[in-house]
Protein backbone atom coordinates (compact mmCIF):
# COMPACT_ATOMS: atom_id res chain seq x y z
CA MET A 1 61.30 77.09 116.37
CA GLY A 2 59.72 79.01 113.31
CA GLY A 3 61.41 81.53 111.02
CA ARG A 4 62.02 83.62 114.14
CA GLY A 5 64.94 81.60 115.51
CA ARG A 6 66.36 80.83 111.85
CA LYS A 7 67.14 84.30 111.10
CA PRO A 8 69.04 85.34 114.19
CA ALA A 9 71.14 82.00 113.48
CA LEU A 10 71.54 82.47 109.81
CA ALA A 11 72.81 86.23 110.47
CA ALA A 12 75.29 84.85 113.41
CA ALA A 13 76.63 82.03 110.99
CA LEU A 14 76.80 84.92 108.23
CA LEU A 15 78.62 87.33 110.24
CA PHE A 16 80.88 84.43 111.92
CA GLY A 17 81.55 83.41 108.10
CA VAL A 18 82.72 87.17 107.12
CA LEU A 19 84.77 87.28 110.19
CA ALA A 20 86.41 84.17 109.53
CA VAL A 21 87.40 85.16 105.74
CA GLN A 22 88.64 88.40 107.19
CA PHE A 23 91.01 86.69 109.80
CA TYR A 24 92.29 84.52 107.01
CA TYR A 25 93.11 87.32 104.87
CA THR A 26 94.80 89.07 107.48
CA VAL A 27 96.75 85.83 108.55
CA VAL A 28 97.99 85.42 105.40
CA ASP A 29 98.47 89.02 104.56
CA ARG A 30 96.42 89.41 101.31
CA ASN A 31 93.99 91.40 100.24
CA ARG A 32 90.71 90.42 98.13
CA TRP A 33 88.18 93.20 97.83
CA PRO A 34 85.72 93.50 99.98
CA PHE A 35 88.53 91.93 102.49
CA CYS A 36 91.48 93.74 103.48
CA SER A 37 94.21 92.22 105.38
CA ASN A 38 94.60 95.30 107.54
CA ASN A 39 98.52 94.64 107.67
CA MET A 40 99.18 97.69 105.21
CA PHE A 41 101.88 99.19 107.50
CA ASN A 42 103.24 96.04 108.85
CA ARG A 43 106.46 94.92 108.29
CA THR A 44 109.68 93.88 109.20
CA LEU A 45 112.61 95.58 108.04
CA PRO A 46 116.23 94.87 107.72
CA ARG A 47 118.95 96.73 109.82
CA ARG A 48 119.73 98.72 106.56
CA PHE A 49 117.23 99.50 103.88
CA PRO A 50 117.01 101.12 100.73
CA GLN A 51 114.97 104.71 100.42
CA LEU A 52 114.55 107.30 97.71
CA ARG A 53 115.58 111.03 98.15
CA ILE A 54 115.45 113.91 96.19
CA ARG A 55 117.29 117.04 95.25
CA LEU A 56 116.24 119.90 93.79
CA ARG A 57 117.92 122.87 91.62
CA ASP A 58 116.94 125.81 92.87
CA GLY A 59 118.50 128.90 91.07
CA ALA A 60 122.10 128.09 90.87
CA GLU A 61 122.19 125.71 94.20
CA TRP A 62 120.93 122.06 94.45
CA THR A 63 119.05 121.63 97.84
CA GLY A 64 120.15 119.11 100.32
CA LEU A 65 118.70 115.76 100.47
CA ARG A 66 114.95 115.51 100.73
CA GLN A 67 112.02 113.05 101.00
CA VAL A 68 110.14 112.37 97.54
CA TYR A 69 106.73 113.03 99.19
CA GLY A 70 106.36 117.01 98.00
CA LEU A 71 106.77 115.77 94.58
CA MET A 72 103.19 115.04 93.86
CA PRO A 73 99.83 115.91 95.55
CA LEU A 74 98.89 112.14 96.48
CA GLU A 75 99.24 110.44 99.46
CA PHE A 76 102.71 109.90 100.56
CA PHE A 77 103.28 106.50 100.04
CA ARG A 78 101.66 106.61 96.68
CA VAL A 79 104.45 109.36 95.51
CA VAL A 80 107.18 106.77 96.89
CA ASP A 81 105.60 103.71 94.64
CA ILE A 82 105.32 106.14 91.22
CA CYS A 83 108.82 107.22 91.93
CA ALA A 84 109.98 103.84 92.21
CA GLY A 85 107.69 102.30 89.03
CA VAL A 86 109.39 105.23 86.79
CA LEU A 87 113.05 105.49 87.82
CA LEU A 88 113.33 101.84 88.61
CA GLU A 89 111.24 99.70 86.85
CA ASN A 90 112.14 101.67 83.53
CA GLU A 91 114.94 101.80 81.42
CA ASP A 92 113.82 104.62 79.26
CA PRO A 93 116.08 107.80 79.96
CA GLY A 94 113.41 109.57 78.09
CA VAL A 95 110.67 108.72 79.98
CA LYS A 96 112.57 109.57 83.06
CA ASP A 97 113.57 113.09 81.67
CA ARG A 98 109.47 113.63 81.04
CA PHE A 99 108.57 112.34 84.36
CA CYS A 100 111.02 114.79 86.22
CA GLU A 101 110.60 117.81 83.76
CA THR A 102 106.88 117.34 84.22
CA ILE A 103 107.33 117.47 88.29
CA VAL A 104 109.54 120.49 88.21
CA ARG A 105 107.06 122.36 85.94
CA ARG A 106 104.10 121.46 88.35
CA LEU A 107 106.32 122.42 91.23
CA ASN A 108 106.79 125.80 89.55
CA THR A 109 103.33 126.59 88.48
CA ARG A 110 100.80 124.78 90.74
CA PRO A 111 102.10 124.35 94.11
CA TRP A 112 99.72 122.72 96.93
CA PRO A 113 98.93 123.06 100.37
CA GLY A 114 99.66 119.62 102.63
CA PHE A 115 95.94 117.98 103.58
CA ASP A 116 95.82 114.75 105.18
CA GLU A 117 98.33 112.07 103.96
CA VAL A 118 99.27 114.61 100.79
CA ARG A 119 102.41 116.55 101.88
CA ARG A 120 102.96 120.32 101.09
CA SER A 121 104.65 120.68 97.54
CA GLU A 122 108.11 121.49 97.50
CA ARG A 123 108.96 125.45 96.84
CA PRO A 124 111.70 127.13 95.60
CA VAL A 125 113.43 129.65 97.19
CA HIS A 126 115.04 131.22 94.49
CA PRO A 127 112.34 133.28 92.07
CA GLY A 128 113.41 131.55 88.85
CA GLY A 129 111.80 128.50 90.27
CA PHE A 130 113.28 125.20 90.22
CA THR A 131 115.19 124.19 87.34
CA GLY A 132 116.29 120.70 87.92
CA LEU A 133 115.82 117.36 90.18
CA GLU A 134 118.07 114.75 90.61
CA ILE A 135 116.67 111.38 92.34
CA LEU A 136 118.97 109.33 94.33
CA MET A 137 118.71 106.11 96.42
CA VAL A 138 120.05 105.87 99.47
CA ASN A 139 120.03 103.17 102.77
CA VAL A 140 118.96 103.95 106.21
CA ASP A 141 119.88 101.97 109.23
CA VAL A 142 117.28 101.66 111.55
CA GLY A 143 120.14 101.83 114.16
CA ASP A 144 121.07 105.39 114.14
CA TYR A 145 118.50 106.97 111.65
CA ARG A 146 116.84 110.05 113.23
CA MET A 147 113.73 110.90 111.90
CA ALA A 148 114.09 114.78 113.00
CA ASP A 149 116.67 115.74 110.59
CA ASP A 150 115.97 112.52 108.12
CA ALA A 151 120.07 111.65 109.30
CA PRO A 152 122.30 109.56 108.64
CA LEU A 153 121.69 108.42 105.34
CA TYR A 154 124.22 106.04 103.54
CA ASP A 155 125.34 104.85 99.90
CA GLN A 156 123.96 107.67 98.29
CA GLN A 157 123.39 106.59 94.76
CA VAL A 158 121.99 108.83 91.81
CA LEU A 159 119.27 106.98 89.74
CA HIS A 160 118.60 110.00 87.54
CA ARG A 161 119.42 113.81 87.06
CA TRP A 162 117.42 116.39 85.23
CA GLU A 163 118.18 119.59 84.43
CA ALA A 164 116.47 122.33 81.98
CA VAL A 165 118.06 123.25 79.16
CA ARG A 166 118.98 127.17 79.33
């Protein structure tokens, strides 16, 4: 059995090794480039779990609670992580204020359309644009939550509120 028989056997062994490594990373739910666990959205949730929501000051009125996805022109799951990083892992109110001010300014001056996993930007109704941003932590109960109207939400807690100086 010359070189012809070795090449397919070597290729099969290499393929088997790659598949074994991929299987290992899937089982242990870890990512190490170039292998991906493929469990990105696979998780078990408790009956009640926290999520971020926002309110925007549109003219003189505050909007109802909304998802955070329309705050930045990024994939929706990245927006959540960025907001959580700035608002939950940072104690400096100045950083939080600058973050909120930057978001409001961007929403007022350069809105974006939705595409793929990027949600459409929040749009003001009032001609003066948004003048404030409030970020809240709420609890969602998997037993009675309705995705269509994003309700009911429990235990609303304001994490940060920013309003433009008038």
